[in-house]
Amino acid sequence: MVRKKGIDVSFWNGRLTEKQYRRIKKDDIEFVIARAGGYRGTVTDGMFDNNYRQARAAGLDFGAYYYSTAVTARQARNEARHAVRLCRGKRLQYPIWMDVEDPLTQGRLSKRALTRVIKAFVKEVRRLGHPCGVYASYYWLTEKIGNLSGIDVWVAQYNSHTNYKRPAMWQFADNGSFSGVPGQFDLDWCFKDYTGDPEPEEPPREKERYRGPLSLPLRGYFRRGDRGRKVRELQRFLNWCGRDLTVDGIYGDKTIAAVKWFERRYGLYVDGLFGRDCLRKAKSIRR
């Protein structure tokens, strides 16, 4: 099982330097999730760009979270677009997370209404080409939020274990400390492989452009469980690129692994979801 340790940070952790992030990394920290902004687009976290530059320079993987106060699906979609704009130009190895915890806005919604707001945010971020998940406390997830099937969950529960079944991530403490770095930090375990391990690759060889049919589903990207002609087209293309897939029309583990290989090879965002950026690259490359 994947088990990676990380921290989440925001403006309140101050202006961290590359040297401090390197000290943090020495304590077996592998990733950082930083606040990008929030409050319906009225706040941009002043340390987000700095956290990205310094954490990446220190060799840490990076993701973002957005403090949501949306109370309607329309507001959630607007927030999602703002979150993606804040991440523009950054290569994220982890998802954009919707932080759901505000008691004065979302805390007053019914379970059904809040679930609808969450799904609208997640759907919009995914439509814009990023993986997305939801952060909330164990209490909110079990008492105030409905069914989140198909959505990655990052649960906050400060304990020796979490009672939430199969979370993607778990925030297990808020008192982490590191030698030579002031302040305390939220600590997280990640149980889902968002990054994968890079494979050694051969240099590309010259060949004519791929001229077979290749198109996307209506949503704009492929995801696990997709089936049919378009998946077969994609599998044939990946085989042309050098993979060895069975062309069965099923977007499963092996096809997702091949897509991640393609994304890494051509410097694209690695999420295993073959979307618009991948399609543009696919139509232009030579082997």
Protein backbone atom coordinates (compact mmCIF):
# COMPACT_ATOMS: atom_id res chain seq x y z
CA MET A 1 0.00 0.00 0.00
CA VAL A 2 1.19 3.50 -0.82
CA ARG A 3 2.05 5.50 2.29
CA LYS A 4 3.72 8.87 1.86
CA LYS A 5 4.11 11.52 4.53
CA GLY A 6 3.53 15.20 3.87
CA ILE A 7 2.59 18.58 5.30
CA ASP A 8 0.04 21.22 4.40
CA VAL A 9 0.91 24.90 4.67
CA SER A 10 -0.57 28.35 4.22
CA PHE A 11 0.18 32.03 4.83
CA TRP A 12 0.14 31.31 8.57
CA ASN A 13 3.29 29.20 8.31
CA GLY A 14 5.29 32.21 7.15
CA ARG A 15 7.78 32.62 4.30
CA LEU A 16 9.50 29.25 4.18
CA THR A 17 12.81 28.99 2.34
CA GLU A 18 14.29 26.25 0.20
CA LYS A 19 16.75 25.51 3.01
CA GLN A 20 13.90 25.07 5.49
CA TYR A 21 12.01 22.84 3.08
CA ARG A 22 15.15 20.72 2.70
CA ARG A 23 15.24 20.31 6.48
CA ILE A 24 11.59 19.31 6.43
CA LYS A 25 12.32 16.79 3.68
CA LYS A 26 15.02 15.17 5.81
CA ASP A 27 12.28 14.09 8.23
CA ASP A 28 10.83 11.79 5.56
CA ILE A 29 8.38 14.39 4.24
CA GLU A 30 7.68 13.76 0.54
CA PHE A 31 5.00 16.28 -0.41
CA VAL A 32 3.49 19.68 0.40
CA ILE A 33 -0.13 20.74 -0.05
CA ALA A 34 -0.31 24.56 0.04
CA ARG A 35 -3.30 26.87 0.28
CA ALA A 36 -3.84 28.70 -3.00
CA GLY A 37 -6.65 30.97 -1.84
CA GLY A 38 -10.31 30.93 -1.02
CA TYR A 39 -13.42 32.79 0.15
CA ARG A 40 -15.18 32.85 -3.25
CA GLY A 41 -12.15 34.30 -4.99
CA THR A 42 -11.61 37.23 -2.63
CA VAL A 43 -8.41 35.84 -1.09
CA THR A 44 -5.17 34.69 -2.70
CA ASP A 45 -2.75 33.13 -0.24
CA GLY A 46 0.25 35.46 -0.25
CA MET A 47 2.67 32.58 0.33
CA PHE A 48 1.33 30.22 -2.36
CA ASP A 49 3.82 31.14 -5.09
CA ASN A 50 6.69 31.16 -2.59
CA ASN A 51 5.68 27.77 -1.19
CA TYR A 52 5.56 26.34 -4.70
CA ARG A 53 8.98 27.66 -5.73
CA GLN A 54 10.79 26.73 -2.52
CA ALA A 55 9.19 23.32 -2.01
CA ARG A 56 9.81 22.26 -5.60
CA ALA A 57 13.40 23.55 -5.43
CA ALA A 58 13.86 21.33 -2.38
CA GLY A 59 12.63 18.32 -4.35
CA LEU A 60 9.21 17.96 -2.73
CA ASP A 61 6.06 17.06 -4.64
CA PHE A 62 3.33 19.68 -4.54
CA GLY A 63 -0.44 20.08 -4.47
CA ALA A 64 -2.91 22.84 -3.61
CA TYR A 65 -6.01 23.41 -1.54
CA TYR A 66 -8.69 26.06 -1.78
CA TYR A 67 -10.70 27.27 1.22
CA SER A 68 -14.28 27.16 -0.02
CA THR A 69 -17.22 29.24 1.18
CA ALA A 70 -19.50 28.44 -1.77
CA VAL A 71 -23.12 27.78 -0.89
CA THR A 72 -24.48 27.22 -4.41
CA ALA A 73 -23.30 25.11 -7.33
CA ARG A 74 -22.70 28.27 -9.37
CA GLN A 75 -20.47 29.75 -6.66
CA ALA A 76 -18.62 26.43 -6.41
CA ARG A 77 -17.89 26.43 -10.15
CA ASN A 78 -16.62 30.01 -9.93
CA GLU A 79 -14.37 29.03 -7.02
CA ALA A 80 -13.09 26.03 -8.97
CA ARG A 81 -12.14 28.22 -11.92
CA HIS A 82 -10.35 30.63 -9.58
CA ALA A 83 -8.46 27.76 -7.93
CA VAL A 84 -7.28 26.53 -11.32
CA ARG A 85 -6.22 30.04 -12.33
CA LEU A 86 -4.10 30.32 -9.18
CA CYS A 87 -2.35 27.07 -10.14
CA ARG A 88 -1.69 28.13 -13.73
CA GLY A 89 1.95 27.69 -14.69
CA LYS A 90 2.62 25.28 -11.85
CA ARG A 91 3.22 21.55 -12.29
CA LEU A 92 1.25 19.88 -9.53
CA GLN A 93 1.95 16.28 -8.63
CA TYR A 94 -1.04 16.17 -6.24
CA PRO A 95 -4.65 17.26 -6.75
CA ILE A 96 -6.35 20.58 -6.14
CA TRP A 97 -8.33 19.97 -2.94
CA MET A 98 -11.58 21.69 -1.98
CA ASP A 99 -11.31 22.61 1.71
CA VAL A 100 -14.82 22.25 3.20
CA GLU A 101 -15.02 23.42 6.80
CA ASP A 102 -16.41 26.97 7.00
CA PRO A 103 -19.10 26.99 9.73
CA LEU A 104 -20.72 30.32 8.80
CA THR A 105 -21.42 29.41 5.17
CA GLN A 106 -21.31 25.72 4.29
CA GLY A 107 -21.89 24.73 7.90
CA ARG A 108 -25.46 26.05 7.56
CA LEU A 109 -26.31 24.02 4.45
CA SER A 110 -28.29 20.81 4.43
CA LYS A 111 -26.37 17.62 3.73
CA ARG A 112 -27.91 17.40 0.27
CA ALA A 113 -27.10 21.02 -0.61
CA LEU A 114 -23.51 20.82 0.61
CA THR A 115 -22.90 17.59 -1.31
CA ARG A 116 -24.24 19.26 -4.46
CA VAL A 117 -21.85 22.19 -3.94
CA ILE A 118 -18.88 19.84 -3.49
CA LYS A 119 -19.69 17.84 -6.61
CA ALA A 120 -20.00 21.04 -8.67
CA PHE A 121 -16.53 22.21 -7.56
CA VAL A 122 -14.89 18.84 -8.19
CA LYS A 123 -16.54 18.42 -11.59
CA GLU A 124 -15.41 21.86 -12.74
CA VAL A 125 -11.79 21.39 -11.65
CA ARG A 126 -11.71 18.04 -13.45
CA ARG A 127 -13.25 19.61 -16.54
CA LEU A 128 -10.39 22.10 -16.54
CA GLY A 129 -7.86 19.29 -16.56
CA HIS A 130 -6.83 18.78 -12.92
CA PRO A 131 -7.55 15.93 -10.50
CA CYS A 132 -9.59 17.13 -7.54
CA GLY A 133 -10.54 15.91 -4.09
CA VAL A 134 -12.28 17.09 -0.93
CA TYR A 135 -10.77 17.94 2.46
CA ALA A 136 -13.00 17.89 5.54
CA SER A 137 -13.04 16.71 9.12
CA TYR A 138 -14.24 13.25 10.01
CA TYR A 139 -17.29 14.81 11.65
CA TRP A 140 -18.22 16.82 8.56
CA LEU A 141 -17.65 13.85 6.26
CA THR A 142 -19.89 11.58 8.30
CA GLU A 143 -22.53 14.00 9.59
CA LYS A 144 -22.77 16.99 7.22
CA ILE A 145 -21.73 15.64 3.79
CA GLY A 146 -23.49 12.99 1.72
CA ASN A 147 -22.19 10.31 -0.64
CA LEU A 148 -18.87 11.24 -2.26
CA SER A 149 -18.47 8.10 -4.35
CA GLY A 150 -15.87 8.63 -7.07
CA ILE A 151 -14.26 11.60 -5.28
CA ASP A 152 -10.95 11.36 -3.41
CA VAL A 153 -11.29 12.30 0.26
CA TRP A 154 -8.69 13.90 2.52
CA VAL A 155 -9.94 13.41 6.06
CA ALA A 156 -8.82 15.39 9.12
CA GLN A 157 -8.90 13.32 12.30
CA TYR A 158 -6.20 13.83 14.92
CA ASN A 159 -5.80 10.36 16.31
CA SER A 160 -3.63 7.27 16.18
CA HIS A 161 -5.90 6.01 13.38
CA THR A 162 -8.74 7.28 11.23
CA ASN A 163 -12.22 5.80 11.29
CA TYR A 164 -12.96 7.00 7.75
CA LYS A 165 -12.96 4.10 5.30
CA ARG A 166 -10.35 4.22 2.52
CA PRO A 167 -9.39 7.92 2.46
CA ALA A 168 -6.93 9.07 -0.19
CA MET A 169 -5.21 11.21 2.46
CA TRP A 170 -5.40 11.60 6.22
CA GLN A 171 -4.42 14.71 8.21
CA PHE A 172 -3.43 13.04 11.46
CA ALA A 173 -1.84 15.86 13.50
CA ASP A 174 -1.51 19.63 13.70
CA ASN A 175 1.60 19.87 15.86
CA GLY A 176 4.40 18.68 13.59
CA SER A 177 7.79 20.30 14.15
CA PHE A 178 11.11 20.23 12.31
CA SER A 179 14.62 21.11 13.43
CA GLY A 180 15.61 24.59 12.30
CA VAL A 181 12.11 25.46 11.07
CA PRO A 182 9.92 27.69 13.27
CA GLY A 183 6.30 26.93 14.02
CA GLN A 184 4.10 23.86 13.89
CA PHE A 185 2.70 22.07 10.86
CA ASP A 186 -0.25 19.90 9.91
CA LEU A 187 0.94 16.38 9.12
CA ASP A 188 -0.59 14.07 6.53
CA TRP A 189 -0.42 10.53 5.25
CA CYS A 190 -1.22 9.89 1.59
CA PHE A 191 -2.44 6.40 0.68
CA LYS A 192 -2.97 6.96 -3.05
CA ASP A 193 -0.21 7.00 -5.66
CA TYR A 194 -0.64 10.38 -7.36
CA THR A 195 2.87 10.53 -8.78
CA GLY A 196 4.01 7.08 -9.87
CA ASP A 197 7.64 6.17 -10.33
CA PRO A 198 9.33 7.44 -13.48
CA GLU A 199 10.46 4.76 -15.89
CA PRO A 200 13.68 4.85 -17.87
CA GLU A 201 12.82 5.91 -21.39
CA GLU A 202 14.47 5.55 -24.75
CA PRO A 203 15.03 8.71 -26.77
CA PRO A 204 12.30 9.26 -29.36
CA ARG A 205 12.99 8.07 -32.88
CA GLU A 206 11.94 9.85 -36.04
CA LYS A 207 8.74 8.58 -37.56
CA GLU A 208 5.75 10.06 -39.33
CA ARG A 209 2.99 11.59 -37.24
CA TYR A 210 0.32 9.27 -35.94
CA ARG A 211 -2.52 9.52 -38.46
CA GLY A 212 -5.07 7.18 -36.97
CA PRO A 213 -8.33 8.43 -35.43
CA LEU A 214 -7.98 9.75 -31.89
CA SER A 215 -10.66 11.64 -29.99
CA LEU A 216 -11.90 12.33 -26.47
CA PRO A 217 -15.15 11.55 -24.67
CA LEU A 218 -17.64 14.43 -24.36
CA ARG A 219 -16.36 15.29 -20.86
CA GLY A 220 -12.98 16.12 -22.37
CA TYR A 221 -10.85 13.35 -20.82
CA PHE A 222 -10.75 9.61 -20.24
CA ARG A 223 -11.14 8.13 -16.77
CA ARG A 224 -11.09 4.70 -15.17
CA GLY A 225 -13.92 2.48 -16.36
CA ASP A 226 -14.44 4.12 -19.76
CA ARG A 227 -15.11 1.61 -22.53
CA GLY A 228 -15.61 1.52 -26.25
CA ARG A 229 -14.25 2.65 -29.58
CA LYS A 230 -12.51 5.80 -28.37
CA VAL A 231 -10.61 3.83 -25.73
CA ARG A 232 -9.47 1.36 -28.41
CA GLU A 233 -8.26 4.31 -30.54
CA LEU A 234 -6.26 5.59 -27.59
CA GLN A 235 -4.77 2.16 -26.87
CA ARG A 236 -3.64 1.84 -30.51
CA PHE A 237 -2.02 5.26 -30.29
CA LEU A 238 -0.18 4.36 -27.07
CA ASN A 239 1.05 1.16 -28.71
CA TRP A 240 2.31 3.25 -31.63
CA CYS A 241 4.23 5.30 -29.06
CA GLY A 242 5.93 2.19 -27.73
CA ARG A 243 3.59 0.58 -25.19
CA ASP A 244 2.28 -2.97 -25.47
CA LEU A 245 -1.39 -2.82 -24.53
CA THR A 246 -4.12 -5.28 -25.32
CA VAL A 247 -6.58 -3.29 -27.43
CA ASP A 248 -9.67 -4.26 -25.46
CA GLY A 249 -11.45 -0.90 -25.23
CA ILE A 250 -11.27 -0.79 -21.42
CA TYR A 251 -9.66 2.16 -19.63
CA GLY A 252 -8.16 0.17 -16.78
CA ASP A 253 -4.93 -0.03 -14.80
CA LYS A 254 -2.62 -0.88 -17.70
CA THR A 255 -4.01 1.84 -19.94
CA ILE A 256 -3.79 4.40 -17.11
CA ALA A 257 -0.15 3.40 -16.51
CA ALA A 258 0.56 3.84 -20.23
CA VAL A 259 -1.07 7.29 -20.19
CA LYS A 260 1.07 8.32 -17.19
CA TRP A 261 4.14 7.13 -19.12
CA PHE A 262 3.07 9.29 -22.08
CA GLU A 263 2.47 12.32 -19.82
CA ARG A 264 5.88 11.98 -18.15
CA ARG A 265 7.63 11.48 -21.47
CA TYR A 266 6.25 14.67 -22.97
CA GLY A 267 6.35 16.90 -19.88
CA LEU A 268 2.59 16.96 -19.29
CA TYR A 269 0.72 16.94 -15.99
CA VAL A 270 0.78 13.34 -14.74
CA ASP A 271 -2.65 12.18 -13.61
CA GLY A 272 -3.49 9.24 -15.88
CA LEU A 273 -6.46 11.13 -17.36
CA PHE A 274 -5.87 11.52 -21.09
CA GLY A 275 -7.36 14.97 -21.78
CA ARG A 276 -7.08 17.96 -24.09
CA ASP A 277 -3.39 18.69 -23.44
CA CYS A 278 -2.54 15.07 -24.13
CA LEU A 279 -4.58 15.08 -27.32
CA ARG A 280 -2.84 18.22 -28.62
CA LYS A 281 0.55 16.65 -27.95
CA ALA A 282 -0.54 13.34 -29.50
CA LYS A 283 -1.53 15.08 -32.73
CA SER A 284 1.82 16.85 -33.02
CA ILE A 285 4.49 14.36 -32.00
CA ARG A 286 6.76 12.21 -34.11
CA ARG A 287 8.39 9.02 -32.91
